[in-house]
């Protein structure tokens, strides 16, 4: 197992702005929470095809009950 991380919206957006999104390949797995995915794709900050070209991204969609554990 290699180096893994959890992505916030900022790094993928800014790496895309400078044409360096592929720098995320330094990680064996980049975990992308659903809210982050929605922010970077839903607001058209990053074209979905650019993200799908990275085979190390793993999108996560937690259940509401899992989210509530951290909110309360």
PDB file of N, CA and C in Angstrom:
ATOM      1  N   UNK A   1       0.850  -1.178   0.000  1.00  0.00           N
ATOM      2  CA  UNK A   1       0.000   0.000   0.000  1.00  0.00           C
ATOM      3  C   UNK A   1       0.891   1.235   0.000  1.00  0.00           C
ATOM      4  N   UNK A   2       0.541   2.216  -0.829  1.00  0.00           N
ATOM      5  CA  UNK A   2       1.317   3.443  -0.921  1.00  0.00           C
ATOM      6  C   UNK A   2       0.731   4.553  -0.085  1.00  0.00           C
ATOM      7  N   UNK A   3       1.124   5.732  -0.409  1.00  0.00           N
ATOM      8  CA  UNK A   3       0.686   6.931   0.293  1.00  0.00           C
ATOM      9  C   UNK A   3      -0.723   7.314  -0.166  1.00  0.00           C
ATOM     10  N   UNK A   4      -1.640   7.531   0.803  1.00  0.00           N
ATOM     11  CA  UNK A   4      -3.021   7.911   0.500  1.00  0.00           C
ATOM     12  C   UNK A   4      -3.331   9.248   1.137  1.00  0.00           C
ATOM     13  N   UNK A   5      -4.344   9.939   0.603  1.00  0.00           N
ATOM     14  CA  UNK A   5      -4.773  11.205   1.178  1.00  0.00           C
ATOM     15  C   UNK A   5      -6.273  11.388   0.976  1.00  0.00           C
ATOM     16  N   UNK A   6      -6.822  12.352   1.702  1.00  0.00           N
ATOM     17  CA  UNK A   6      -8.214  12.762   1.533  1.00  0.00           C
ATOM     18  C   UNK A   6      -8.175  14.162   0.941  1.00  0.00           C
ATOM     19  N   UNK A   7      -8.876  14.349  -0.162  1.00  0.00           N
ATOM     20  CA  UNK A   7      -8.823  15.624  -0.870  1.00  0.00           C
ATOM     21  C   UNK A   7      -9.860  16.610  -0.372  1.00  0.00           C
ATOM     22  N   UNK A   8      -9.425  17.842  -0.233  1.00  0.00           N
ATOM     23  CA  UNK A   8     -10.301  18.988  -0.077  1.00  0.00           C
ATOM     24  C   UNK A   8     -10.413  19.591  -1.484  1.00  0.00           C
ATOM     25  N   UNK A   9     -11.323  20.486  -1.698  1.00  0.00           N
ATOM     26  CA  UNK A   9     -11.539  21.016  -3.046  1.00  0.00           C
ATOM     27  C   UNK A   9     -10.385  21.874  -3.552  1.00  0.00           C
ATOM     28  N   UNK A  10      -9.731  22.586  -2.667  1.00  0.00           N
ATOM     29  CA  UNK A  10      -8.697  23.528  -3.071  1.00  0.00           C
ATOM     30  C   UNK A  10      -7.566  22.937  -3.901  1.00  0.00           C
ATOM     31  N   UNK A  11      -6.881  21.912  -3.412  1.00  0.00           N
ATOM     32  CA  UNK A  11      -5.742  21.386  -4.179  1.00  0.00           C
ATOM     33  C   UNK A  11      -6.094  20.924  -5.598  1.00  0.00           C
ATOM     34  N   UNK A  12      -7.143  20.118  -5.816  1.00  0.00           N
ATOM     35  CA  UNK A  12      -7.445  19.746  -7.201  1.00  0.00           C
ATOM     36  C   UNK A  12      -7.794  20.939  -8.082  1.00  0.00           C
ATOM     37  N   UNK A  13      -8.527  21.907  -7.535  1.00  0.00           N
ATOM     38  CA  UNK A  13      -8.906  23.083  -8.319  1.00  0.00           C
ATOM     39  C   UNK A  13      -7.666  23.873  -8.719  1.00  0.00           C
ATOM     40  N   UNK A  14      -6.786  24.137  -7.768  1.00  0.00           N
ATOM     41  CA  UNK A  14      -5.620  24.969  -8.058  1.00  0.00           C
ATOM     42  C   UNK A  14      -4.582  24.230  -8.897  1.00  0.00           C
ATOM     43  N   UNK A  15      -4.451  22.927  -8.697  1.00  0.00           N
ATOM     44  CA  UNK A  15      -3.560  22.156  -9.562  1.00  0.00           C
ATOM     45  C   UNK A  15      -4.056  22.179 -11.006  1.00  0.00           C
ATOM     46  N   UNK A  16      -5.369  22.134 -11.178  1.00  0.00           N
ATOM     47  CA  UNK A  16      -5.942  22.210 -12.524  1.00  0.00           C
ATOM     48  C   UNK A  16      -5.664  23.581 -13.143  1.00  0.00           C
ATOM     49  N   UNK A  17      -5.779  24.627 -12.355  1.00  0.00           N
ATOM     50  CA  UNK A  17      -5.530  25.985 -12.858  1.00  0.00           C
ATOM     51  C   UNK A  17      -4.114  26.141 -13.420  1.00  0.00           C
ATOM     52  N   UNK A  18      -3.161  25.434 -12.849  1.00  0.00           N
ATOM     53  CA  UNK A  18      -1.778  25.565 -13.329  1.00  0.00           C
ATOM     54  C   UNK A  18      -1.367  24.383 -14.215  1.00  0.00           C
ATOM     55  N   UNK A  19      -2.346  23.557 -14.597  1.00  0.00           N
ATOM     56  CA  UNK A  19      -2.078  22.444 -15.494  1.00  0.00           C
ATOM     57  C   UNK A  19      -1.287  21.316 -14.861  1.00  0.00           C
ATOM     58  N   UNK A  20      -1.441  21.147 -13.549  1.00  0.00           N
ATOM     59  CA  UNK A  20      -0.646  20.140 -12.841  1.00  0.00           C
ATOM     60  C   UNK A  20      -1.499  19.147 -12.056  1.00  0.00           C
ATOM     61  N   UNK A  21      -2.724  18.910 -12.501  1.00  0.00           N
ATOM     62  CA  UNK A  21      -3.591  17.975 -11.788  1.00  0.00           C
ATOM     63  C   UNK A  21      -2.943  16.597 -11.662  1.00  0.00           C
ATOM     64  N   UNK A  22      -2.131  16.226 -12.629  1.00  0.00           N
ATOM     65  CA  UNK A  22      -1.474  14.920 -12.592  1.00  0.00           C
ATOM     66  C   UNK A  22      -0.529  14.769 -11.396  1.00  0.00           C
ATOM     67  N   UNK A  23      -0.206  15.874 -10.722  1.00  0.00           N
ATOM     68  CA  UNK A  23       0.637  15.787  -9.524  1.00  0.00           C
ATOM     69  C   UNK A  23      -0.018  14.939  -8.437  1.00  0.00           C
ATOM     70  N   UNK A  24      -1.337  14.795  -8.504  1.00  0.00           N
ATOM     71  CA  UNK A  24      -2.033  13.947  -7.524  1.00  0.00           C
ATOM     72  C   UNK A  24      -1.659  12.470  -7.683  1.00  0.00           C
ATOM     73  N   UNK A  25      -0.985  12.128  -8.770  1.00  0.00           N
ATOM     74  CA  UNK A  25      -0.553  10.740  -8.977  1.00  0.00           C
ATOM     75  C   UNK A  25       0.557  10.332  -8.019  1.00  0.00           C
ATOM     76  N   UNK A  26       1.094  11.288  -7.291  1.00  0.00           N
ATOM     77  CA  UNK A  26       2.107  10.956  -6.282  1.00  0.00           C
ATOM     78  C   UNK A  26       1.483  10.072  -5.194  1.00  0.00           C
ATOM     79  N   UNK A  27       0.164  10.135  -5.058  1.00  0.00           N
ATOM     80  CA  UNK A  27      -0.565   9.324  -4.081  1.00  0.00           C
ATOM     81  C   UNK A  27      -1.083   8.056  -4.746  1.00  0.00           C
ATOM     82  N   UNK A  28      -1.042   6.954  -4.011  1.00  0.00           N
ATOM     83  CA  UNK A  28      -1.588   5.711  -4.555  1.00  0.00           C
ATOM     84  C   UNK A  28      -3.114   5.767  -4.598  1.00  0.00           C
ATOM     85  N   UNK A  29      -3.710   6.501  -3.674  1.00  0.00           N
ATOM     86  CA  UNK A  29      -5.164   6.648  -3.627  1.00  0.00           C
ATOM     87  C   UNK A  29      -5.484   8.031  -3.086  1.00  0.00           C
ATOM     88  N   UNK A  30      -6.396   8.733  -3.764  1.00  0.00           N
ATOM     89  CA  UNK A  30      -6.893  10.030  -3.311  1.00  0.00           C
ATOM     90  C   UNK A  30      -8.376   9.845  -3.025  1.00  0.00           C
ATOM     91  N   UNK A  31      -8.742   9.955  -1.769  1.00  0.00           N
ATOM     92  CA  UNK A  31     -10.134   9.785  -1.358  1.00  0.00           C
ATOM     93  C   UNK A  31     -10.841  11.133  -1.488  1.00  0.00           C
ATOM     94  N   UNK A  32     -11.952  11.135  -2.219  1.00  0.00           N
ATOM     95  CA  UNK A  32     -12.686  12.372  -2.491  1.00  0.00           C
ATOM     96  C   UNK A  32     -14.097  12.236  -1.924  1.00  0.00           C
ATOM     97  N   UNK A  33     -14.378  12.927  -0.804  1.00  0.00           N
ATOM     98  CA  UNK A  33     -15.740  12.899  -0.258  1.00  0.00           C
ATOM     99  C   UNK A  33     -16.734  13.486  -1.252  1.00  0.00           C
ATOM    100  N   UNK A  34     -17.958  13.031  -1.162  1.00  0.00           N
ATOM    101  CA  UNK A  34     -19.004  13.464  -2.087  1.00  0.00           C
ATOM    102  C   UNK A  34     -19.155  14.988  -2.121  1.00  0.00           C
ATOM    103  N   UNK A  35     -19.102  15.630  -0.967  1.00  0.00           N
ATOM    104  CA  UNK A  35     -19.255  17.086  -0.919  1.00  0.00           C
ATOM    105  C   UNK A  35     -18.129  17.780  -1.683  1.00  0.00           C
ATOM    106  N   UNK A  36     -16.924  17.255  -1.592  1.00  0.00           N
ATOM    107  CA  UNK A  36     -15.784  17.819  -2.322  1.00  0.00           C
ATOM    108  C   UNK A  36     -15.969  17.595  -3.812  1.00  0.00           C
ATOM    109  N   UNK A  37     -16.364  16.377  -4.185  1.00  0.00           N
ATOM    110  CA  UNK A  37     -16.604  16.069  -5.604  1.00  0.00           C
ATOM    111  C   UNK A  37     -17.632  17.040  -6.186  1.00  0.00           C
ATOM    112  N   UNK A  38     -18.721  17.244  -5.442  1.00  0.00           N
ATOM    113  CA  UNK A  38     -19.779  18.144  -5.915  1.00  0.00           C
ATOM    114  C   UNK A  38     -19.270  19.580  -6.072  1.00  0.00           C
ATOM    115  N   UNK A  39     -18.380  19.994  -5.187  1.00  0.00           N
ATOM    116  CA  UNK A  39     -17.846  21.353  -5.269  1.00  0.00           C
ATOM    117  C   UNK A  39     -16.936  21.513  -6.486  1.00  0.00           C
ATOM    118  N   UNK A  40     -16.103  20.542  -6.756  1.00  0.00           N
ATOM    119  CA  UNK A  40     -15.156  20.711  -7.862  1.00  0.00           C
ATOM    120  C   UNK A  40     -15.761  20.393  -9.222  1.00  0.00           C
ATOM    121  N   UNK A  41     -16.784  19.560  -9.250  1.00  0.00           N
ATOM    122  CA  UNK A  41     -17.418  19.209 -10.526  1.00  0.00           C
ATOM    123  C   UNK A  41     -18.716  19.990 -10.715  1.00  0.00           C
ATOM    124  N   UNK A  42     -19.520  20.068  -9.665  1.00  0.00           N
ATOM    125  CA  UNK A  42     -20.826  20.716  -9.758  1.00  0.00           C
ATOM    126  C   UNK A  42     -20.745  22.186 -10.089  1.00  0.00           C
ATOM    127  N   UNK A  43     -19.711  22.849  -9.647  1.00  0.00           N
ATOM    128  CA  UNK A  43     -19.541  24.262  -9.938  1.00  0.00           C
ATOM    129  C   UNK A  43     -18.639  24.463 -11.157  1.00  0.00           C
ATOM    130  N   UNK A  44     -18.423  23.376 -11.890  1.00  0.00           N
ATOM    131  CA  UNK A  44     -17.633  23.381 -13.118  1.00  0.00           C
ATOM    132  C   UNK A  44     -16.228  23.947 -12.918  1.00  0.00           C
ATOM    133  N   UNK A  45     -15.648  23.668 -11.745  1.00  0.00           N
ATOM    134  CA  UNK A  45     -14.268  24.064 -11.500  1.00  0.00           C
ATOM    135  C   UNK A  45     -13.294  23.152 -12.245  1.00  0.00           C
ATOM    136  N   UNK A  46     -13.660  21.870 -12.346  1.00  0.00           N
ATOM    137  CA  UNK A  46     -12.823  20.897 -13.040  1.00  0.00           C
ATOM    138  C   UNK A  46     -13.718  20.048 -13.935  1.00  0.00           C
ATOM    139  N   UNK A  47     -13.305  19.847 -15.167  1.00  0.00           N
ATOM    140  CA  UNK A  47     -14.022  18.980 -16.092  1.00  0.00           C
ATOM    141  C   UNK A  47     -13.926  17.538 -15.583  1.00  0.00           C
ATOM    142  N   UNK A  48     -15.042  16.852 -15.534  1.00  0.00           N
ATOM    143  CA  UNK A  48     -15.090  15.475 -15.033  1.00  0.00           C
ATOM    144  C   UNK A  48     -14.109  14.565 -15.760  1.00  0.00           C
ATOM    145  N   UNK A  49     -13.908  14.772 -17.035  1.00  0.00           N
ATOM    146  CA  UNK A  49     -13.004  13.908 -17.793  1.00  0.00           C
ATOM    147  C   UNK A  49     -11.571  14.003 -17.279  1.00  0.00           C
ATOM    148  N   UNK A  50     -11.168  15.158 -16.776  1.00  0.00           N
ATOM    149  CA  UNK A  50      -9.825  15.297 -16.209  1.00  0.00           C
ATOM    150  C   UNK A  50      -9.682  14.467 -14.939  1.00  0.00           C
ATOM    151  N   UNK A  51     -10.736  14.456 -14.132  1.00  0.00           N
ATOM    152  CA  UNK A  51     -10.702  13.673 -12.894  1.00  0.00           C
ATOM    153  C   UNK A  51     -10.720  12.176 -13.192  1.00  0.00           C
ATOM    154  N   UNK A  52     -11.525  11.776 -14.158  1.00  0.00           N
ATOM    155  CA  UNK A  52     -11.624  10.353 -14.492  1.00  0.00           C
ATOM    156  C   UNK A  52     -10.338   9.818 -15.110  1.00  0.00           C
ATOM    157  N   UNK A  53      -9.520  10.717 -15.658  1.00  0.00           N
ATOM    158  CA  UNK A  53      -8.238  10.301 -16.227  1.00  0.00           C
ATOM    159  C   UNK A  53      -7.264   9.868 -15.127  1.00  0.00           C
ATOM    160  N   UNK A  54      -7.511  10.330 -13.909  1.00  0.00           N
ATOM    161  CA  UNK A  54      -6.690   9.903 -12.773  1.00  0.00           C
ATOM    162  C   UNK A  54      -7.296   8.634 -12.191  1.00  0.00           C
ATOM    163  N   UNK A  55      -6.618   7.526 -12.335  1.00  0.00           N
ATOM    164  CA  UNK A  55      -7.177   6.254 -11.882  1.00  0.00           C
ATOM    165  C   UNK A  55      -7.000   6.014 -10.385  1.00  0.00           C
ATOM    166  N   UNK A  56      -6.408   6.971  -9.680  1.00  0.00           N
ATOM    167  CA  UNK A  56      -6.214   6.797  -8.249  1.00  0.00           C
ATOM    168  C   UNK A  56      -7.241   7.548  -7.399  1.00  0.00           C
ATOM    169  N   UNK A  57      -8.208   8.202  -8.036  1.00  0.00           N
ATOM    170  CA  UNK A  57      -9.254   8.904  -7.289  1.00  0.00           C
ATOM    171  C   UNK A  57     -10.359   7.937  -6.892  1.00  0.00           C
ATOM    172  N   UNK A  58     -10.795   8.025  -5.653  1.00  0.00           N
ATOM    173  CA  UNK A  58     -11.899   7.202  -5.180  1.00  0.00           C
ATOM    174  C   UNK A  58     -12.929   8.110  -4.536  1.00  0.00           C
ATOM    175  N   UNK A  59     -14.072   8.201  -5.183  1.00  0.00           N
ATOM    176  CA  UNK A  59     -15.157   9.044  -4.686  1.00  0.00           C
ATOM    177  C   UNK A  59     -15.912   8.299  -3.591  1.00  0.00           C
ATOM    178  N   UNK A  60     -16.241   9.027  -2.515  1.00  0.00           N
ATOM    179  CA  UNK A  60     -16.966   8.434  -1.389  1.00  0.00           C
ATOM    180  C   UNK A  60     -18.298   9.150  -1.186  1.00  0.00           C
ATOM    181  N   UNK A  61     -19.345   8.372  -1.010  1.00  0.00           N
ATOM    182  CA  UNK A  61     -20.666   8.912  -0.725  1.00  0.00           C
ATOM    183  C   UNK A  61     -21.169   8.282   0.574  1.00  0.00           C
ATOM    184  N   UNK A  62     -20.863   8.911   1.705  1.00  0.00           N
ATOM    185  CA  UNK A  62     -21.276   8.334   2.986  1.00  0.00           C
ATOM    186  C   UNK A  62     -22.791   8.402   3.184  1.00  0.00           C
ATOM    187  N   UNK A  63     -23.294   7.466   3.961  1.00  0.00           N
ATOM    188  CA  UNK A  63     -24.715   7.452   4.308  1.00  0.00           C
ATOM    189  C   UNK A  63     -24.981   8.572   5.307  1.00  0.00           C
ATOM    190  N   UNK A  64     -26.212   9.047   5.348  1.00  0.00           N
ATOM    191  CA  UNK A  64     -26.593  10.132   6.266  1.00  0.00           C
ATOM    192  C   UNK A  64     -26.268   9.758   7.709  1.00  0.00           C
ATOM    193  N   UNK A  65     -26.490   8.503   8.090  1.00  0.00           N
ATOM    194  CA  UNK A  65     -26.220   8.079   9.460  1.00  0.00           C
ATOM    195  C   UNK A  65     -24.717   8.186   9.786  1.00  0.00           C
ATOM    196  N   UNK A  66     -23.865   7.950   8.797  1.00  0.00           N
ATOM    197  CA  UNK A  66     -22.423   8.086   9.018  1.00  0.00           C
ATOM    198  C   UNK A  66     -22.033   9.541   9.187  1.00  0.00           C
ATOM    199  N   UNK A  67     -22.667  10.416   8.436  1.00  0.00           N
ATOM    200  CA  UNK A  67     -22.384  11.854   8.543  1.00  0.00           C
ATOM    201  C   UNK A  67     -22.809  12.372   9.903  1.00  0.00           C
ATOM    202  N   UNK A  68     -23.952  11.935  10.390  1.00  0.00           N
ATOM    203  CA  UNK A  68     -24.489  12.417  11.659  1.00  0.00           C
ATOM    204  C   UNK A  68     -23.573  12.086  12.825  1.00  0.00           C
ATOM    205  N   UNK A  69     -22.791  11.032  12.730  1.00  0.00           N
ATOM    206  CA  UNK A  69     -21.841  10.683  13.795  1.00  0.00           C
ATOM    207  C   UNK A  69     -20.843  11.805  14.011  1.00  0.00           C
ATOM    208  N   UNK A  70     -20.491  12.522  12.950  1.00  0.00           N
ATOM    209  CA  UNK A  70     -19.481  13.561  13.046  1.00  0.00           C
ATOM    210  C   UNK A  70     -20.066  14.945  13.240  1.00  0.00           C
ATOM    211  N   UNK A  71     -21.325  15.112  12.931  1.00  0.00           N
ATOM    212  CA  UNK A  71     -21.967  16.419  13.040  1.00  0.00           C
ATOM    213  C   UNK A  71     -22.406  16.702  14.466  1.00  0.00           C
ATOM    214  N   UNK A  72     -22.837  15.680  15.175  1.00  0.00           N
ATOM    215  CA  UNK A  72     -23.376  15.882  16.527  1.00  0.00           C
ATOM    216  C   UNK A  72     -22.303  15.873  17.574  1.00  0.00           C
TER     217      UNK A  72
END
